PDB file of N, CA and C in Angstrom:
ATOM      1  N   MET A   1      -1.204  -6.204  14.667  1.00  0.00           N
ATOM      2  CA  MET A   1       0.148  -5.925  14.227  1.00  0.00           C
ATOM      3  C   MET A   1       0.436  -4.430  14.246  1.00  0.00           C
ATOM      4  N   LEU A   2      -0.493  -3.618  13.800  1.00  0.00           N
ATOM      5  CA  LEU A   2      -0.246  -2.180  13.707  1.00  0.00           C
ATOM      6  C   LEU A   2      -0.039  -1.528  15.067  1.00  0.00           C
ATOM      7  N   GLU A   3      -0.625  -2.108  16.113  1.00  0.00           N
ATOM      8  CA  GLU A   3      -0.474  -1.521  17.444  1.00  0.00           C
ATOM      9  C   GLU A   3       0.970  -1.584  17.927  1.00  0.00           C
ATOM     10  N   GLY A   4       1.710  -2.589  17.461  1.00  0.00           N
ATOM     11  CA  GLY A   4       3.077  -2.777  17.915  1.00  0.00           C
ATOM     12  C   GLY A   4       4.125  -2.038  17.105  1.00  0.00           C
ATOM     13  N   ILE A   5       3.714  -1.287  16.111  1.00  0.00           N
ATOM     14  CA  ILE A   5       4.670  -0.567  15.265  1.00  0.00           C
ATOM     15  C   ILE A   5       5.330   0.546  16.065  1.00  0.00           C
ATOM     16  N   GLN A   6       6.649   0.619  15.922  1.00  0.00           N
ATOM     17  CA  GLN A   6       7.414   1.661  16.597  1.00  0.00           C
ATOM     18  C   GLN A   6       8.176   2.488  15.570  1.00  0.00           C
ATOM     19  N   GLU A   7       8.597   3.654  16.009  1.00  0.00           N
ATOM     20  CA  GLU A   7       9.368   4.533  15.129  1.00  0.00           C
ATOM     21  C   GLU A   7      10.581   3.790  14.579  1.00  0.00           C
ATOM     22  N   GLY A   8      10.776   3.910  13.269  1.00  0.00           N
ATOM     23  CA  GLY A   8      11.919   3.282  12.616  1.00  0.00           C
ATOM     24  C   GLY A   8      11.667   1.868  12.116  1.00  0.00           C
ATOM     25  N   ASP A   9      10.528   1.284  12.487  1.00  0.00           N
ATOM     26  CA  ASP A   9      10.202  -0.065  12.005  1.00  0.00           C
ATOM     27  C   ASP A   9       9.989  -0.058  10.496  1.00  0.00           C
ATOM     28  N   ILE A  10      10.274  -1.173   9.875  1.00  0.00           N
ATOM     29  CA  ILE A  10      10.012  -1.359   8.449  1.00  0.00           C
ATOM     30  C   ILE A  10       9.129  -2.592   8.304  1.00  0.00           C
ATOM     31  N   ILE A  11       8.013  -2.420   7.618  1.00  0.00           N
ATOM     32  CA  ILE A  11       7.084  -3.517   7.371  1.00  0.00           C
ATOM     33  C   ILE A  11       7.245  -3.926   5.913  1.00  0.00           C
ATOM     34  N   TYR A  12       7.558  -5.183   5.690  1.00  0.00           N
ATOM     35  CA  TYR A  12       7.723  -5.706   4.339  1.00  0.00           C
ATOM     36  C   TYR A  12       6.471  -6.482   3.942  1.00  0.00           C
ATOM     37  N   VAL A  13       5.981  -6.213   2.743  1.00  0.00           N
ATOM     38  CA  VAL A  13       4.851  -6.960   2.193  1.00  0.00           C
ATOM     39  C   VAL A  13       5.261  -7.494   0.827  1.00  0.00           C
ATOM     40  N   SER A  14       4.697  -8.627   0.448  1.00  0.00           N
ATOM     41  CA  SER A  14       5.069  -9.211  -0.844  1.00  0.00           C
ATOM     42  C   SER A  14       4.524  -8.393  -2.006  1.00  0.00           C
ATOM     43  N   ASP A  15       3.301  -7.857  -1.832  1.00  0.00           N
ATOM     44  CA  ASP A  15       2.638  -7.118  -2.907  1.00  0.00           C
ATOM     45  C   ASP A  15       1.707  -6.092  -2.270  1.00  0.00           C
ATOM     46  N   LEU A  16       1.908  -4.850  -2.585  1.00  0.00           N
ATOM     47  CA  LEU A  16       1.130  -3.769  -1.984  1.00  0.00           C
ATOM     48  C   LEU A  16      -0.367  -3.925  -2.219  1.00  0.00           C
ATOM     49  N   THR A  17      -0.747  -4.448  -3.364  1.00  0.00           N
ATOM     50  CA  THR A  17      -2.171  -4.558  -3.686  1.00  0.00           C
ATOM     51  C   THR A  17      -2.843  -5.719  -2.965  1.00  0.00           C
ATOM     52  N   ARG A  18      -2.081  -6.532  -2.252  1.00  0.00           N
ATOM     53  CA  ARG A  18      -2.655  -7.664  -1.522  1.00  0.00           C
ATOM     54  C   ARG A  18      -2.968  -7.326  -0.066  1.00  0.00           C
ATOM     55  N   ILE A  19      -2.569  -6.160   0.382  1.00  0.00           N
ATOM     56  CA  ILE A  19      -2.795  -5.790   1.777  1.00  0.00           C
ATOM     57  C   ILE A  19      -4.274  -5.576   2.055  1.00  0.00           C
ATOM     58  N   THR A  20      -4.932  -4.894   1.158  1.00  0.00           N
ATOM     59  CA  THR A  20      -6.344  -4.562   1.331  1.00  0.00           C
ATOM     60  C   THR A  20      -7.014  -4.501  -0.034  1.00  0.00           C
ATOM     61  N   ARG A  21      -8.306  -4.639  -0.052  1.00  0.00           N
ATOM     62  CA  ARG A  21      -9.043  -4.596  -1.322  1.00  0.00           C
ATOM     63  C   ARG A  21      -9.522  -3.186  -1.656  1.00  0.00           C
ATOM     64  N   SER A  22      -9.409  -2.280  -0.721  1.00  0.00           N
ATOM     65  CA  SER A  22      -9.921  -0.925  -0.896  1.00  0.00           C
ATOM     66  C   SER A  22      -8.767   0.074  -0.990  1.00  0.00           C
ATOM     67  N   THR A  23      -8.826   0.940  -1.980  1.00  0.00           N
ATOM     68  CA  THR A  23      -7.811   1.989  -2.117  1.00  0.00           C
ATOM     69  C   THR A  23      -7.828   2.903  -0.904  1.00  0.00           C
ATOM     70  N   LYS A  24      -9.014   3.229  -0.438  1.00  0.00           N
ATOM     71  CA  LYS A  24      -9.160   4.090   0.744  1.00  0.00           C
ATOM     72  C   LYS A  24      -8.482   3.454   1.957  1.00  0.00           C
ATOM     73  N   ASP A  25      -8.719   2.160   2.165  1.00  0.00           N
ATOM     74  CA  ASP A  25      -8.099   1.462   3.291  1.00  0.00           C
ATOM     75  C   ASP A  25      -6.581   1.413   3.147  1.00  0.00           C
ATOM     76  N   LEU A  26      -6.101   1.263   1.921  1.00  0.00           N
ATOM     77  CA  LEU A  26      -4.663   1.231   1.683  1.00  0.00           C
ATOM     78  C   LEU A  26      -4.026   2.569   2.051  1.00  0.00           C
ATOM     79  N   PHE A  27      -4.652   3.678   1.635  1.00  0.00           N
ATOM     80  CA  PHE A  27      -4.125   5.000   1.995  1.00  0.00           C
ATOM     81  C   PHE A  27      -4.161   5.215   3.503  1.00  0.00           C
ATOM     82  N   GLU A  28      -5.232   4.767   4.159  1.00  0.00           N
ATOM     83  CA  GLU A  28      -5.322   4.900   5.618  1.00  0.00           C
ATOM     84  C   GLU A  28      -4.215   4.102   6.300  1.00  0.00           C
ATOM     85  N   LEU A  29      -3.958   2.894   5.808  1.00  0.00           N
ATOM     86  CA  LEU A  29      -2.903   2.060   6.369  1.00  0.00           C
ATOM     87  C   LEU A  29      -1.536   2.722   6.200  1.00  0.00           C
ATOM     88  N   ILE A  30      -1.260   3.206   5.002  1.00  0.00           N
ATOM     89  CA  ILE A  30       0.020   3.877   4.744  1.00  0.00           C
ATOM     90  C   ILE A  30       0.169   5.103   5.638  1.00  0.00           C
ATOM     91  N   ASN A  31      -0.886   5.893   5.763  1.00  0.00           N
ATOM     92  CA  ASN A  31      -0.834   7.083   6.620  1.00  0.00           C
ATOM     93  C   ASN A  31      -0.642   6.705   8.082  1.00  0.00           C
ATOM     94  N   ASN A  32      -1.283   5.622   8.512  1.00  0.00           N
ATOM     95  CA  ASN A  32      -1.127   5.157   9.892  1.00  0.00           C
ATOM     96  C   ASN A  32       0.320   4.753  10.157  1.00  0.00           C
ATOM     97  N   ILE A  33       0.907   4.026   9.230  1.00  0.00           N
ATOM     98  CA  ILE A  33       2.301   3.598   9.377  1.00  0.00           C
ATOM     99  C   ILE A  33       3.230   4.811   9.370  1.00  0.00           C
ATOM    100  N   ARG A  34       2.984   5.755   8.479  1.00  0.00           N
ATOM    101  CA  ARG A  34       3.810   6.977   8.423  1.00  0.00           C
ATOM    102  C   ARG A  34       3.683   7.796   9.700  1.00  0.00           C
ATOM    103  N   SER A  35       2.473   7.858  10.253  1.00  0.00           N
ATOM    104  CA  SER A  35       2.260   8.658  11.466  1.00  0.00           C
ATOM    105  C   SER A  35       3.072   8.114  12.639  1.00  0.00           C
ATOM    106  N   LYS A  36       3.409   6.833  12.579  1.00  0.00           N
ATOM    107  CA  LYS A  36       4.232   6.219  13.619  1.00  0.00           C
ATOM    108  C   LYS A  36       5.715   6.276  13.257  1.00  0.00           C
ATOM    109  N   LYS A  37       6.014   7.007  12.176  1.00  0.00           N
ATOM    110  CA  LYS A  37       7.381   7.177  11.681  1.00  0.00           C
ATOM    111  C   LYS A  37       8.031   5.833  11.352  1.00  0.00           C
ATOM    112  N   ALA A  38       7.222   4.961  10.758  1.00  0.00           N
ATOM    113  CA  ALA A  38       7.698   3.669  10.272  1.00  0.00           C
ATOM    114  C   ALA A  38       7.573   3.686   8.751  1.00  0.00           C
ATOM    115  N   ASN A  39       7.993   2.613   8.116  1.00  0.00           N
ATOM    116  CA  ASN A  39       7.960   2.570   6.656  1.00  0.00           C
ATOM    117  C   ASN A  39       7.382   1.240   6.184  1.00  0.00           C
ATOM    118  N   LEU A  40       6.753   1.280   5.025  1.00  0.00           N
ATOM    119  CA  LEU A  40       6.166   0.104   4.391  1.00  0.00           C
ATOM    120  C   LEU A  40       6.890  -0.122   3.072  1.00  0.00           C
ATOM    121  N   ILE A  41       7.397  -1.332   2.873  1.00  0.00           N
ATOM    122  CA  ILE A  41       8.130  -1.646   1.649  1.00  0.00           C
ATOM    123  C   ILE A  41       7.476  -2.843   0.975  1.00  0.00           C
ATOM    124  N   SER A  42       7.180  -2.673  -0.302  1.00  0.00           N
ATOM    125  CA  SER A  42       6.622  -3.752  -1.111  1.00  0.00           C
ATOM    126  C   SER A  42       7.758  -4.448  -1.846  1.00  0.00           C
ATOM    127  N   LEU A  43       7.873  -5.755  -1.656  1.00  0.00           N
ATOM    128  CA  LEU A  43       8.937  -6.514  -2.321  1.00  0.00           C
ATOM    129  C   LEU A  43       8.716  -6.598  -3.824  1.00  0.00           C
ATOM    130  N   LYS A  44       7.449  -6.573  -4.250  1.00  0.00           N
ATOM    131  CA  LYS A  44       7.144  -6.623  -5.680  1.00  0.00           C
ATOM    132  C   LYS A  44       7.388  -5.269  -6.342  1.00  0.00           C
ATOM    133  N   ASP A  45       7.037  -4.211  -5.654  1.00  0.00           N
ATOM    134  CA  ASP A  45       7.111  -2.858  -6.214  1.00  0.00           C
ATOM    135  C   ASP A  45       8.270  -2.095  -5.581  1.00  0.00           C
ATOM    136  N   THR A  46       9.486  -2.579  -5.798  1.00  0.00           N
ATOM    137  CA  THR A  46      10.658  -1.997  -5.143  1.00  0.00           C
ATOM    138  C   THR A  46      10.927  -0.558  -5.573  1.00  0.00           C
ATOM    139  N   TRP A  47      10.429  -0.170  -6.719  1.00  0.00           N
ATOM    140  CA  TRP A  47      10.618   1.182  -7.241  1.00  0.00           C
ATOM    141  C   TRP A  47       9.724   2.201  -6.532  1.00  0.00           C
ATOM    142  N   LEU A  48       8.747   1.717  -5.760  1.00  0.00           N
ATOM    143  CA  LEU A  48       7.767   2.595  -5.129  1.00  0.00           C
ATOM    144  C   LEU A  48       8.244   2.992  -3.739  1.00  0.00           C
ATOM    145  N   ASP A  49       8.585   4.265  -3.553  1.00  0.00           N
ATOM    146  CA  ASP A  49       9.069   4.759  -2.262  1.00  0.00           C
ATOM    147  C   ASP A  49       7.894   5.324  -1.473  1.00  0.00           C
ATOM    148  N   LEU A  50       7.448   4.568  -0.478  1.00  0.00           N
ATOM    149  CA  LEU A  50       6.301   4.992   0.325  1.00  0.00           C
ATOM    150  C   LEU A  50       6.706   5.841   1.522  1.00  0.00           C
ATOM    151  N   SER A  51       7.997   6.101   1.682  1.00  0.00           N
ATOM    152  CA  SER A  51       8.439   6.899   2.819  1.00  0.00           C
ATOM    153  C   SER A  51       8.096   8.375   2.634  1.00  0.00           C
ATOM    154  N   GLU A  52       7.835   8.775   1.410  1.00  0.00           N
ATOM    155  CA  GLU A  52       7.476  10.164   1.130  1.00  0.00           C
ATOM    156  C   GLU A  52       5.991  10.277   0.837  1.00  0.00           C
ATOM    157  N   ASP A  53       5.439  11.421   1.177  1.00  0.00           N
ATOM    158  CA  ASP A  53       4.031  11.687   0.870  1.00  0.00           C
ATOM    159  C   ASP A  53       4.000  12.736  -0.235  1.00  0.00           C
ATOM    160  N   ASN A  54       3.761  12.285  -1.457  1.00  0.00           N
ATOM    161  CA  ASN A  54       3.671  13.236  -2.554  1.00  0.00           C
ATOM    162  C   ASN A  54       2.578  12.788  -3.518  1.00  0.00           C
ATOM    163  N   PRO A  55       2.057  13.701  -4.313  1.00  0.00           N
ATOM    164  CA  PRO A  55       0.946  13.383  -5.217  1.00  0.00           C
ATOM    165  C   PRO A  55       1.279  12.290  -6.229  1.00  0.00           C
ATOM    166  N   TYR A  56       2.516  12.214  -6.674  1.00  0.00           N
ATOM    167  CA  TYR A  56       2.909  11.196  -7.653  1.00  0.00           C
ATOM    168  C   TYR A  56       2.744   9.792  -7.073  1.00  0.00           C
ATOM    169  N   ILE A  57       3.204   9.595  -5.842  1.00  0.00           N
ATOM    170  CA  ILE A  57       3.081   8.296  -5.176  1.00  0.00           C
ATOM    171  C   ILE A  57       1.615   7.957  -4.962  1.00  0.00           C
ATOM    172  N   GLN A  58       0.822   8.930  -4.519  1.00  0.00           N
ATOM    173  CA  GLN A  58      -0.611   8.692  -4.307  1.00  0.00           C
ATOM    174  C   GLN A  58      -1.285   8.295  -5.615  1.00  0.00           C
ATOM    175  N   PHE A  59      -0.918   8.943  -6.705  1.00  0.00           N
ATOM    176  CA  PHE A  59      -1.480   8.609  -8.010  1.00  0.00           C
ATOM    177  C   PHE A  59      -1.121   7.176  -8.403  1.00  0.00           C
ATOM    178  N   LEU A  60       0.146   6.806  -8.252  1.00  0.00           N
ATOM    179  CA  LEU A  60       0.584   5.455  -8.613  1.00  0.00           C
ATOM    180  C   LEU A  60      -0.136   4.389  -7.792  1.00  0.00           C
ATOM    181  N   ILE A  61      -0.304   4.635  -6.511  1.00  0.00           N
ATOM    182  CA  ILE A  61      -1.008   3.675  -5.659  1.00  0.00           C
ATOM    183  C   ILE A  61      -2.459   3.547  -6.101  1.00  0.00           C
ATOM    184  N   THR A  62      -3.084   4.662  -6.430  1.00  0.00           N
ATOM    185  CA  THR A  62      -4.476   4.637  -6.886  1.00  0.00           C
ATOM    186  C   THR A  62      -4.606   3.837  -8.180  1.00  0.00           C
ATOM    187  N   VAL A  63      -3.687   4.049  -9.115  1.00  0.00           N
ATOM    188  CA  VAL A  63      -3.720   3.312 -10.385  1.00  0.00           C
ATOM    189  C   VAL A  63      -3.493   1.822 -10.138  1.00  0.00           C
ATOM    190  N   MET A  64      -2.506   1.485  -9.318  1.00  0.00           N
ATOM    191  CA  MET A  64      -2.227   0.081  -9.025  1.00  0.00           C
ATOM    192  C   MET A  64      -3.430  -0.603  -8.383  1.00  0.00           C
ATOM    193  N   ALA A  65      -4.053   0.068  -7.441  1.00  0.00           N
ATOM    194  CA  ALA A  65      -5.224  -0.503  -6.772  1.00  0.00           C
ATOM    195  C   ALA A  65      -6.383  -0.655  -7.752  1.00  0.00           C
ATOM    196  N   GLY A  66      -6.552   0.312  -8.649  1.00  0.00           N
ATOM    197  CA  GLY A  66      -7.618   0.234  -9.645  1.00  0.00           C
ATOM    198  C   GLY A  66      -7.420  -0.922 -10.612  1.00  0.00           C
ATOM    199  N   VAL A  67      -6.197  -1.124 -11.056  1.00  0.00           N
ATOM    200  CA  VAL A  67      -5.900  -2.237 -11.960  1.00  0.00           C
ATOM    201  C   VAL A  67      -6.132  -3.567 -11.244  1.00  0.00           C
ATOM    202  N   ASN A  68      -5.733  -3.642  -9.986  1.00  0.00           N
ATOM    203  CA  ASN A  68      -5.938  -4.856  -9.210  1.00  0.00           C
ATOM    204  C   ASN A  68      -7.428  -5.161  -9.052  1.00  0.00           C
ATOM    205  N   ARG A  69      -8.217  -4.134  -8.801  1.00  0.00           N
ATOM    206  CA  ARG A  69      -9.664  -4.331  -8.663  1.00  0.00           C
ATOM    207  C   ARG A  69     -10.279  -4.777  -9.994  1.00  0.00           C
ATOM    208  N   LEU A  70      -9.849  -4.176 -11.089  1.00  0.00           N
ATOM    209  CA  LEU A  70     -10.340  -4.566 -12.410  1.00  0.00           C
ATOM    210  C   LEU A  70     -10.023  -6.036 -12.686  1.00  0.00           C
ATOM    211  N   GLU A  71      -8.818  -6.448 -12.347  1.00  0.00           N
ATOM    212  CA  GLU A  71      -8.423  -7.841 -12.538  1.00  0.00           C
ATOM    213  C   GLU A  71      -9.308  -8.778 -11.709  1.00  0.00           C
ATOM    214  N   ARG A  72      -9.572  -8.426 -10.456  1.00  0.00           N
ATOM    215  CA  ARG A  72     -10.458  -9.241  -9.611  1.00  0.00           C
ATOM    216  C   ARG A  72     -11.854  -9.332 -10.204  1.00  0.00           C
ATOM    217  N   ASP A  73     -12.359  -8.206 -10.728  1.00  0.00           N
ATOM    218  CA  ASP A  73     -13.696  -8.195 -11.330  1.00  0.00           C
ATOM    219  C   ASP A  73     -13.757  -9.091 -12.564  1.00  0.00           C
ATOM    220  N   PHE A  74     -12.710  -9.071 -13.394  1.00  0.00           N
ATOM    221  CA  PHE A  74     -12.663  -9.942 -14.570  1.00  0.00           C
ATOM    222  C   PHE A  74     -12.654 -11.415 -14.159  1.00  0.00           C
ATOM    223  N   ILE A  75     -11.889 -11.731 -13.143  1.00  0.00           N
ATOM    224  CA  ILE A  75     -11.832 -13.111 -12.656  1.00  0.00           C
ATOM    225  C   ILE A  75     -13.201 -13.545 -12.142  1.00  0.00           C
ATOM    226  N   ARG A  76     -13.866 -12.669 -11.440  1.00  0.00           N
ATOM    227  CA  ARG A  76     -15.191 -12.964 -10.898  1.00  0.00           C
ATOM    228  C   ARG A  76     -16.210 -13.186 -12.020  1.00  0.00           C
ATOM    229  N   MET A  77     -16.063 -12.480 -13.135  1.00  0.00           N
ATOM    230  CA  MET A  77     -16.994 -12.597 -14.260  1.00  0.00           C
ATOM    231  C   MET A  77     -16.871 -13.952 -14.968  1.00  0.00           C
ATOM    232  N   ARG A  78     -15.715 -14.574 -14.896  1.00  0.00           N
ATOM    233  CA  ARG A  78     -15.475 -15.838 -15.614  1.00  0.00           C
ATOM    234  C   ARG A  78     -16.257 -16.939 -15.036  1.00  0.00           C
TER     235      ARG A  78
END
């Protein structure tokens, strides 16, 4: 899918934390999409503007991914 991305494309996902299990992979994916001058929009996290690259957005993504991982770990422990 990523090979076919063109400038101006918008990729919609239901939940940003469901794209990948790794925060590092998520940042790489976002950077890859940005490098192609496309945008990624999460339907669940509509307040999150991924079109800009700023420390606040990176922090929020890191926190969201961390909470998601913690939740998965708790489920696995049960």
